[in-house]
Amino acid sequence: MYCRRMDKNSGFLVSYSYCATSDECLKDAWNYINRDCEAGWLGGKSYELETCNPDPITCPEEFISSESLYGSYLN
């Protein structure tokens, strides 16, 4: 997600590309003629959160507090 963030926030003449084979993010990959990527360089903006295969986590439906769960705060 670093590469996606950097590419989205980059300026007009700067781009970040990601190589899935080597898990590498490269600034201005078009400048590196001999820097090959087996899967091919893809723009950082093209990646979405689903690419990382996140685990879905849901919140509990109901939470009931009690005095035993209450913590004491000491300054």
C-alpha atoms as a PDB file:
ATOM      1  CA  MET A   1       0.000   0.000   0.000  1.00  0.00           C
ATOM      2  CA  TYR A   2       3.060   2.237   0.364  1.00  0.00           C
ATOM      3  CA  CYS A   3       3.528   2.298  -3.405  1.00  0.00           C
ATOM      4  CA  ARG A   4      -0.137   3.162  -3.989  1.00  0.00           C
ATOM      5  CA  ARG A   5       0.005   6.016  -1.486  1.00  0.00           C
ATOM      6  CA  MET A   6       3.241   7.413  -2.895  1.00  0.00           C
ATOM      7  CA  ASP A   7       1.951   7.269  -6.483  1.00  0.00           C
ATOM      8  CA  LYS A   8      -1.353   8.936  -5.591  1.00  0.00           C
ATOM      9  CA  ASN A   9       0.416  11.755  -3.746  1.00  0.00           C
ATOM     10  CA  SER A  10       3.219  12.261  -6.264  1.00  0.00           C
ATOM     11  CA  GLY A  11       3.542  15.274  -8.487  1.00  0.00           C
ATOM     12  CA  PHE A  12       3.180  15.723 -12.237  1.00  0.00           C
ATOM     13  CA  LEU A  13       6.566  14.342 -13.340  1.00  0.00           C
ATOM     14  CA  VAL A  14       6.995  11.647 -10.686  1.00  0.00           C
ATOM     15  CA  SER A  15       5.525   8.139 -10.700  1.00  0.00           C
ATOM     16  CA  TYR A  16       5.867   5.049  -8.538  1.00  0.00           C
ATOM     17  CA  SER A  17       5.654   1.557  -9.999  1.00  0.00           C
ATOM     18  CA  TYR A  18       5.222  -1.764  -8.236  1.00  0.00           C
ATOM     19  CA  CYS A  19       6.677  -5.159  -9.154  1.00  0.00           C
ATOM     20  CA  ALA A  20       4.667  -8.025  -7.636  1.00  0.00           C
ATOM     21  CA  THR A  21       7.408 -10.588  -8.350  1.00  0.00           C
ATOM     22  CA  SER A  22      10.059  -8.888  -6.224  1.00  0.00           C
ATOM     23  CA  ASP A  23       7.612  -6.948  -3.986  1.00  0.00           C
ATOM     24  CA  GLU A  24       9.440  -3.730  -4.876  1.00  0.00           C
ATOM     25  CA  CYS A  25       8.241  -0.155  -5.262  1.00  0.00           C
ATOM     26  CA  LEU A  26      10.394   1.975  -7.530  1.00  0.00           C
ATOM     27  CA  LYS A  27      10.284   5.704  -8.118  1.00  0.00           C
ATOM     28  CA  ASP A  28      10.338   6.564 -11.835  1.00  0.00           C
ATOM     29  CA  ALA A  29      10.806   2.970 -13.013  1.00  0.00           C
ATOM     30  CA  TRP A  30      10.868   4.179 -16.623  1.00  0.00           C
ATOM     31  CA  ASN A  31      14.318   5.675 -15.902  1.00  0.00           C
ATOM     32  CA  TYR A  32      15.816   2.242 -15.172  1.00  0.00           C
ATOM     33  CA  ILE A  33      16.333   0.504 -18.503  1.00  0.00           C
ATOM     34  CA  ASN A  34      17.978  -2.627 -17.053  1.00  0.00           C
ATOM     35  CA  ARG A  35      15.590  -3.002 -14.102  1.00  0.00           C
ATOM     36  CA  ASP A  36      13.326  -5.807 -15.284  1.00  0.00           C
ATOM     37  CA  CYS A  37      10.287  -7.189 -13.540  1.00  0.00           C
ATOM     38  CA  GLU A  38       8.995 -10.631 -14.519  1.00  0.00           C
ATOM     39  CA  ALA A  39       5.370  -9.700 -13.816  1.00  0.00           C
ATOM     40  CA  GLY A  40       5.831  -6.251 -15.370  1.00  0.00           C
ATOM     41  CA  TRP A  41       5.889  -2.882 -13.678  1.00  0.00           C
ATOM     42  CA  LEU A  42       2.423  -1.655 -12.742  1.00  0.00           C
ATOM     43  CA  GLY A  43       1.500   1.845 -11.662  1.00  0.00           C
ATOM     44  CA  GLY A  44       1.071   2.230  -7.936  1.00  0.00           C
ATOM     45  CA  LYS A  45      -2.347   3.834  -8.407  1.00  0.00           C
ATOM     46  CA  SER A  46      -3.690   0.657  -9.973  1.00  0.00           C
ATOM     47  CA  TYR A  47      -3.522  -1.350  -6.729  1.00  0.00           C
ATOM     48  CA  GLU A  48      -6.495  -1.625  -4.431  1.00  0.00           C
ATOM     49  CA  LEU A  49      -6.792  -2.927  -0.890  1.00  0.00           C
ATOM     50  CA  GLU A  50      -8.121  -6.288  -2.161  1.00  0.00           C
ATOM     51  CA  THR A  51      -4.690  -6.940  -3.739  1.00  0.00           C
ATOM     52  CA  CYS A  52      -3.213  -7.422  -0.259  1.00  0.00           C
ATOM     53  CA  ASN A  53      -5.809 -10.111   0.651  1.00  0.00           C
ATOM     54  CA  PRO A  54      -6.880  -8.526   3.954  1.00  0.00           C
ATOM     55  CA  ASP A  55      -8.745 -10.607   6.524  1.00  0.00           C
ATOM     56  CA  PRO A  56     -12.321  -9.377   7.033  1.00  0.00           C
ATOM     57  CA  ILE A  57     -12.899  -8.430  10.661  1.00  0.00           C
ATOM     58  CA  THR A  58     -16.337  -7.575  11.960  1.00  0.00           C
ATOM     59  CA  CYS A  59     -17.255  -5.795  15.128  1.00  0.00           C
ATOM     60  CA  PRO A  60     -19.239  -7.623  17.779  1.00  0.00           C
ATOM     61  CA  GLU A  61     -22.953  -7.012  17.465  1.00  0.00           C
ATOM     62  CA  GLU A  62     -23.506  -6.010  21.059  1.00  0.00           C
ATOM     63  CA  PHE A  63     -21.142  -4.964  23.827  1.00  0.00           C
ATOM     64  CA  ILE A  64     -22.320  -4.712  27.410  1.00  0.00           C
ATOM     65  CA  SER A  65     -19.922  -3.088  29.844  1.00  0.00           C
ATOM     66  CA  SER A  66     -19.583  -3.975  33.501  1.00  0.00           C
ATOM     67  CA  GLU A  67     -17.635  -2.710  36.473  1.00  0.00           C
ATOM     68  CA  SER A  68     -15.142  -5.575  36.128  1.00  0.00           C
ATOM     69  CA  LEU A  69     -14.162  -4.240  32.694  1.00  0.00           C
ATOM     70  CA  TYR A  70     -13.695  -0.706  33.973  1.00  0.00           C
ATOM     71  CA  GLY A  71     -10.020   0.297  34.209  1.00  0.00           C
ATOM     72  CA  SER A  72      -8.460   2.763  36.598  1.00  0.00           C
ATOM     73  CA  TYR A  73      -6.530   5.709  35.209  1.00  0.00           C
ATOM     74  CA  LEU A  74      -3.466   6.958  37.062  1.00  0.00           C
ATOM     75  CA  ASN A  75      -1.717  10.132  35.971  1.00  0.00           C
END
